[in-house]
């Protein structure tokens, strides 16, 4: 049987965990690579690009397009890692909370 009081307690617990997770995201840094580490992008868990490292041997003024593609790939790799981490942490924070059908997060 559906217990609204119990569900509200679970929601409050989950909100606390989600707030902690949000704070942790700003401090967490993940890196993405392209071209065998020739381009390395570092982003925080909120998706802000914090560092970009480009190996000098791939800088070719006659082929800027390749460098641009590698930067986009490295940033995309870092973003994919962030998305995976967020999904994992969100699942942990949910802690088995079963929402009623049709109810979506956030409220």
Protein backbone atom coordinates (compact mmCIF):
# COMPACT_ATOMS: atom_id res chain seq x y z
CA UNK A 1 0.00 0.00 0.00
CA UNK A 2 1.24 3.51 -0.79
CA UNK A 3 2.54 5.37 2.29
CA UNK A 4 2.83 9.11 1.60
CA UNK A 5 4.65 9.87 4.87
CA UNK A 6 7.31 7.28 4.18
CA UNK A 7 7.74 8.52 0.63
CA UNK A 8 8.14 12.14 1.81
CA UNK A 9 10.84 11.04 4.29
CA UNK A 10 12.65 9.24 1.47
CA UNK A 11 12.37 12.36 -0.72
CA UNK A 12 13.86 14.54 2.03
CA UNK A 13 16.75 12.10 2.52
CA UNK A 14 17.30 11.99 -1.22
CA UNK A 15 17.28 15.79 -1.50
CA UNK A 16 20.01 15.99 1.14
CA UNK A 17 22.08 13.44 -0.76
CA UNK A 18 21.51 15.30 -4.03
CA UNK A 19 22.68 18.57 -2.44
CA UNK A 20 25.86 16.87 -1.24
CA UNK A 21 26.37 15.40 -4.69
CA UNK A 22 25.99 18.85 -6.32
CA UNK A 23 28.67 20.30 -4.03
CA UNK A 24 30.97 17.38 -4.77
CA UNK A 25 30.52 17.85 -8.53
CA UNK A 26 32.12 21.29 -8.43
CA UNK A 27 35.23 19.82 -6.81
CA UNK A 28 35.52 16.69 -8.96
CA UNK A 29 37.67 16.85 -12.08
CA UNK A 30 37.66 14.34 -14.92
CA UNK A 31 39.80 14.27 -18.03
CA UNK A 32 39.06 13.32 -21.59
CA UNK A 33 41.67 12.50 -24.18
CA UNK A 34 42.01 12.44 -27.94
CA UNK A 35 44.81 11.36 -30.24
CA UNK A 36 46.52 9.15 -27.70
CA UNK A 37 46.72 11.87 -25.04
CA UNK A 38 47.94 14.51 -27.51
CA UNK A 39 44.94 16.61 -26.46
CA UNK A 40 43.71 16.38 -22.87
CA UNK A 41 40.66 18.28 -21.60
CA UNK A 42 39.92 18.55 -17.88
CA UNK A 43 36.41 19.44 -16.77
CA UNK A 44 34.77 19.68 -13.38
CA UNK A 45 31.64 17.71 -12.57
CA UNK A 46 29.47 20.68 -13.48
CA UNK A 47 30.79 20.62 -17.05
CA UNK A 48 33.12 23.62 -16.81
CA UNK A 49 36.30 23.27 -18.86
CA UNK A 50 39.14 23.81 -16.37
CA UNK A 51 42.27 22.91 -18.38
CA UNK A 52 43.21 22.10 -21.94
CA UNK A 53 46.58 20.54 -22.74
CA UNK A 54 47.76 20.32 -26.35
CA UNK A 55 50.98 18.53 -27.25
CA UNK A 56 53.08 20.87 -29.40
CA UNK A 57 53.90 18.15 -31.94
CA UNK A 58 50.33 18.12 -33.24
CA UNK A 59 50.16 21.85 -33.84
CA UNK A 60 50.34 22.15 -37.61
CA UNK A 61 49.31 25.55 -38.98
CA UNK A 62 48.39 23.92 -42.27
CA UNK A 63 45.96 21.51 -40.56
CA UNK A 64 44.11 23.50 -37.91
CA UNK A 65 40.94 21.50 -38.60
CA UNK A 66 42.52 18.31 -37.22
CA UNK A 67 43.51 20.13 -34.02
CA UNK A 68 40.00 21.55 -33.66
CA UNK A 69 38.50 18.07 -34.13
CA UNK A 70 40.82 16.63 -31.47
CA UNK A 71 39.87 19.37 -29.00
CA UNK A 72 36.17 18.68 -29.59
CA UNK A 73 36.79 14.92 -29.15
CA UNK A 74 38.73 15.39 -25.89
CA UNK A 75 36.05 17.68 -24.44
CA UNK A 76 33.35 15.23 -25.56
CA UNK A 77 35.22 12.37 -23.88
CA UNK A 78 35.47 14.32 -20.62
CA UNK A 79 31.76 15.22 -20.80
CA UNK A 80 30.80 11.58 -21.36
CA UNK A 81 32.76 10.60 -18.25
CA UNK A 82 31.04 13.34 -16.24
CA UNK A 83 27.61 12.19 -17.45
CA UNK A 84 28.41 8.59 -16.44
CA UNK A 85 29.62 9.71 -13.01
CA UNK A 86 26.50 11.83 -12.46
CA UNK A 87 24.24 8.94 -13.46
CA UNK A 88 26.02 6.62 -11.02
CA UNK A 89 25.95 9.14 -8.16
CA UNK A 90 22.29 9.99 -8.80
CA UNK A 91 21.38 6.31 -8.68
CA UNK A 92 23.19 6.00 -5.33
CA UNK A 93 21.43 9.11 -3.99
CA UNK A 94 18.03 7.76 -5.02
CA UNK A 95 18.69 4.81 -2.71
CA UNK A 96 15.87 2.63 -3.98
CA UNK A 97 13.24 5.36 -3.87
CA UNK A 98 10.36 4.33 -6.06
CA UNK A 99 8.47 7.29 -7.44
CA UNK A 100 4.80 6.95 -8.33
CA UNK A 101 4.16 6.46 -12.06
CA UNK A 102 4.38 9.68 -14.01
CA UNK A 103 6.34 11.56 -11.33
CA UNK A 104 9.69 12.76 -12.58
CA UNK A 105 12.78 14.28 -10.99
CA UNK A 106 13.30 17.07 -10.14
CA UNK A 107 9.94 17.89 -8.61
